Amino acid sequence: MTKSQQEVIADLLARRDAVLAQLAGLSSTSVGALPNTTGTGDHVDHTGLRQSLYRELAEIDQLLERIAGPHEAISRGRLT
């Protein structure tokens, strides 16, 4: 079953809100806000996590723009 365009847009907006909330929730002690760490057998890529969230956010915005399609705005009036 395929989703309607409105359902796809709603899903993208929900995911964008989730990513924004995750980015906004980063504190100085949370995963993603700390510097990268490497230990014996462990490696935590905090910077990579943060960058992947920003990339996902940009991709979602591009998809929403693509779905909206090209548009043109015309305004009338006087500039002062």
N, C-alpha and C. Protein backbone atom coordinates (compact mmCIF):
# COMPACT_ATOMS: atom_id res chain seq x y z
N MET A 1 0.84 -1.18 0.00
CA MET A 1 0.00 0.00 0.00
C MET A 1 0.89 1.25 0.00
N THR A 2 0.66 2.09 -0.95
CA THR A 2 1.45 3.31 -1.02
C THR A 2 0.78 4.42 -0.21
N LYS A 3 1.60 5.31 0.26
CA LYS A 3 1.09 6.42 1.06
C LYS A 3 0.73 7.58 0.15
N SER A 4 -0.21 8.37 0.59
CA SER A 4 -0.56 9.58 -0.15
C SER A 4 0.52 10.63 0.09
N GLN A 5 0.51 11.63 -0.73
CA GLN A 5 1.51 12.70 -0.60
C GLN A 5 1.38 13.38 0.76
N GLN A 6 0.17 13.57 1.25
CA GLN A 6 -0.03 14.19 2.55
C GLN A 6 0.52 13.32 3.68
N GLU A 7 0.39 12.01 3.55
CA GLU A 7 0.93 11.10 4.56
C GLU A 7 2.45 11.14 4.57
N VAL A 8 3.04 11.19 3.39
CA VAL A 8 4.51 11.28 3.28
C VAL A 8 5.00 12.58 3.92
N ILE A 9 4.32 13.67 3.61
CA ILE A 9 4.70 14.97 4.18
C ILE A 9 4.56 14.94 5.70
N ALA A 10 3.48 14.35 6.20
CA ALA A 10 3.27 14.26 7.65
C ALA A 10 4.38 13.43 8.30
N ASP A 11 4.77 12.32 7.67
CA ASP A 11 5.86 11.49 8.19
C ASP A 11 7.18 12.25 8.22
N LEU A 12 7.47 12.99 7.15
CA LEU A 12 8.71 13.76 7.08
C LEU A 12 8.72 14.86 8.14
N LEU A 13 7.59 15.53 8.32
CA LEU A 13 7.52 16.59 9.33
C LEU A 13 7.67 16.01 10.74
N ALA A 14 7.11 14.84 10.98
CA ALA A 14 7.24 14.19 12.29
C ALA A 14 8.70 13.83 12.55
N ARG A 15 9.37 13.29 11.54
CA ARG A 15 10.78 12.92 11.71
C ARG A 15 11.64 14.16 11.90
N ARG A 16 11.33 15.23 11.14
CA ARG A 16 12.09 16.48 11.29
C ARG A 16 11.93 17.01 12.71
N ASP A 17 10.72 16.96 13.25
CA ASP A 17 10.49 17.42 14.62
C ASP A 17 11.28 16.57 15.62
N ALA A 18 11.35 15.26 15.37
CA ALA A 18 12.10 14.37 16.26
C ALA A 18 13.59 14.67 16.22
N VAL A 19 14.12 14.93 15.03
CA VAL A 19 15.54 15.25 14.90
C VAL A 19 15.84 16.60 15.58
N LEU A 20 14.97 17.57 15.36
CA LEU A 20 15.15 18.88 16.00
C LEU A 20 15.11 18.75 17.52
N ALA A 21 14.20 17.94 18.03
CA ALA A 21 14.10 17.74 19.48
C ALA A 21 15.37 17.06 20.01
N GLN A 22 15.88 16.11 19.25
CA GLN A 22 17.10 15.42 19.67
C GLN A 22 18.27 16.40 19.69
N LEU A 23 18.39 17.23 18.67
CA LEU A 23 19.46 18.23 18.65
C LEU A 23 19.30 19.25 19.77
N ALA A 24 18.08 19.69 19.99
CA ALA A 24 17.83 20.68 21.04
C ALA A 24 18.09 20.09 22.43
N GLY A 25 17.92 18.78 22.57
CA GLY A 25 18.10 18.13 23.86
C GLY A 25 19.55 17.81 24.20
N LEU A 26 20.46 18.08 23.28
CA LEU A 26 21.87 17.79 23.57
C LEU A 26 22.35 18.72 24.69
N SER A 27 22.85 18.11 25.74
CA SER A 27 23.44 18.89 26.82
C SER A 27 24.93 18.56 26.87
N SER A 28 25.63 19.24 27.72
CA SER A 28 27.09 19.04 27.77
C SER A 28 27.47 17.65 28.24
N THR A 29 26.51 16.87 28.73
CA THR A 29 26.82 15.52 29.21
C THR A 29 26.14 14.42 28.40
N SER A 30 25.41 14.78 27.34
CA SER A 30 24.68 13.77 26.59
C SER A 30 25.48 13.27 25.39
N VAL A 31 25.11 12.08 24.93
CA VAL A 31 25.74 11.50 23.75
C VAL A 31 25.49 12.42 22.57
N GLY A 32 26.55 12.75 21.85
CA GLY A 32 26.44 13.65 20.71
C GLY A 32 26.97 15.03 21.02
N ALA A 33 27.02 15.39 22.29
CA ALA A 33 27.50 16.71 22.67
C ALA A 33 28.93 16.65 23.22
N LEU A 34 29.40 15.46 23.46
CA LEU A 34 30.73 15.29 24.04
C LEU A 34 31.78 15.16 22.93
N PRO A 35 33.04 15.34 23.26
CA PRO A 35 34.07 15.07 22.27
C PRO A 35 34.18 13.57 22.02
N ASN A 36 34.73 13.19 20.88
CA ASN A 36 34.92 11.77 20.57
C ASN A 36 35.81 11.13 21.62
N THR A 37 35.51 9.88 21.95
CA THR A 37 36.31 9.17 22.93
C THR A 37 36.76 7.82 22.37
N THR A 38 37.94 7.42 22.76
CA THR A 38 38.47 6.13 22.36
C THR A 38 39.08 5.48 23.58
N GLY A 39 38.74 4.22 23.79
CA GLY A 39 39.30 3.49 24.92
C GLY A 39 39.68 2.10 24.46
N THR A 40 39.85 1.22 25.40
CA THR A 40 40.22 -0.16 25.07
C THR A 40 39.03 -0.87 24.45
N GLY A 41 39.02 -0.94 23.13
CA GLY A 41 37.96 -1.62 22.41
C GLY A 41 36.71 -0.79 22.19
N ASP A 42 36.66 0.40 22.75
CA ASP A 42 35.48 1.26 22.61
C ASP A 42 35.84 2.52 21.85
N HIS A 43 34.92 2.95 21.03
CA HIS A 43 35.07 4.23 20.35
C HIS A 43 33.67 4.85 20.23
N VAL A 44 33.51 6.03 20.76
CA VAL A 44 32.22 6.72 20.68
C VAL A 44 32.42 7.96 19.83
N ASP A 45 31.71 7.99 18.72
CA ASP A 45 31.84 9.10 17.76
C ASP A 45 30.71 10.10 17.99
N HIS A 46 30.90 10.95 18.98
CA HIS A 46 29.88 11.95 19.30
C HIS A 46 29.72 12.96 18.17
N THR A 47 30.83 13.37 17.59
CA THR A 47 30.79 14.34 16.49
C THR A 47 30.06 13.76 15.29
N GLY A 48 30.30 12.49 14.99
CA GLY A 48 29.63 11.83 13.87
C GLY A 48 28.13 11.76 14.07
N LEU A 49 27.70 11.48 15.30
CA LEU A 49 26.27 11.43 15.60
C LEU A 49 25.63 12.80 15.35
N ARG A 50 26.26 13.84 15.87
CA ARG A 50 25.74 15.19 15.70
C ARG A 50 25.69 15.57 14.22
N GLN A 51 26.76 15.26 13.48
CA GLN A 51 26.80 15.58 12.05
C GLN A 51 25.74 14.80 11.28
N SER A 52 25.51 13.54 11.66
CA SER A 52 24.50 12.75 10.95
C SER A 52 23.10 13.31 11.19
N LEU A 53 22.85 13.84 12.38
CA LEU A 53 21.55 14.46 12.64
C LEU A 53 21.37 15.72 11.78
N TYR A 54 22.43 16.52 11.67
CA TYR A 54 22.34 17.71 10.82
C TYR A 54 22.16 17.34 9.35
N ARG A 55 22.84 16.29 8.90
CA ARG A 55 22.68 15.82 7.52
C ARG A 55 21.26 15.33 7.27
N GLU A 56 20.73 14.55 8.22
CA GLU A 56 19.36 14.05 8.08
C GLU A 56 18.38 15.20 8.02
N LEU A 57 18.58 16.21 8.84
CA LEU A 57 17.71 17.38 8.84
C LEU A 57 17.75 18.08 7.48
N ALA A 58 18.94 18.24 6.92
CA ALA A 58 19.07 18.87 5.60
C ALA A 58 18.40 18.04 4.52
N GLU A 59 18.55 16.72 4.59
CA GLU A 59 17.92 15.84 3.59
C GLU A 59 16.40 15.90 3.68
N ILE A 60 15.87 15.94 4.89
CA ILE A 60 14.42 16.04 5.05
C ILE A 60 13.91 17.35 4.46
N ASP A 61 14.62 18.44 4.74
CA ASP A 61 14.22 19.74 4.18
C ASP A 61 14.26 19.72 2.66
N GLN A 62 15.28 19.08 2.08
CA GLN A 62 15.37 18.98 0.61
C GLN A 62 14.21 18.17 0.05
N LEU A 63 13.86 17.08 0.73
CA LEU A 63 12.73 16.26 0.27
C LEU A 63 11.42 17.05 0.33
N LEU A 64 11.22 17.80 1.40
CA LEU A 64 10.01 18.60 1.51
C LEU A 64 9.94 19.67 0.42
N GLU A 65 11.09 20.27 0.10
CA GLU A 65 11.13 21.27 -0.98
C GLU A 65 10.83 20.61 -2.32
N ARG A 66 11.38 19.41 -2.53
CA ARG A 66 11.15 18.69 -3.79
C ARG A 66 9.68 18.32 -3.94
N ILE A 67 9.05 17.89 -2.85
CA ILE A 67 7.64 17.54 -2.90
C ILE A 67 6.79 18.77 -3.20
N ALA A 68 7.16 19.90 -2.61
CA ALA A 68 6.40 21.14 -2.82
C ALA A 68 6.50 21.60 -4.27
N GLY A 69 7.61 21.27 -4.93
CA GLY A 69 7.80 21.65 -6.32
C GLY A 69 8.14 23.12 -6.47
N PRO A 70 8.41 23.50 -7.71
CA PRO A 70 8.75 24.90 -7.93
C PRO A 70 7.52 25.79 -7.68
N HIS A 71 7.78 26.97 -7.22
CA HIS A 71 6.68 27.90 -6.99
C HIS A 71 7.14 29.32 -7.31
N GLU A 72 6.20 30.14 -7.57
CA GLU A 72 6.48 31.52 -7.94
C GLU A 72 5.60 32.42 -7.09
N ALA A 73 6.17 33.50 -6.61
CA ALA A 73 5.40 34.43 -5.80
C ALA A 73 5.36 35.78 -6.50
N ILE A 74 4.20 36.35 -6.55
CA ILE A 74 4.03 37.67 -7.15
C ILE A 74 3.42 38.57 -6.08
N SER A 75 4.02 39.71 -5.89
CA SER A 75 3.46 40.66 -4.95
C SER A 75 3.28 42.00 -5.63
N ARG A 76 2.29 42.68 -5.21
CA ARG A 76 2.02 44.00 -5.76
C ARG A 76 2.01 44.99 -4.62
N GLY A 77 2.46 46.16 -4.92
CA GLY A 77 2.48 47.17 -3.89
C GLY A 77 3.64 48.11 -4.12
N ARG A 78 3.84 48.94 -3.18
CA ARG A 78 4.87 49.95 -3.31
C ARG A 78 5.91 49.74 -2.23
N LEU A 79 7.13 49.76 -2.61
CA LEU A 79 8.22 49.68 -1.63
C LEU A 79 8.49 51.09 -1.12
N THR A 80 8.68 51.21 0.17
CA THR A 80 8.98 52.53 0.73
C THR A 80 10.33 52.51 1.36
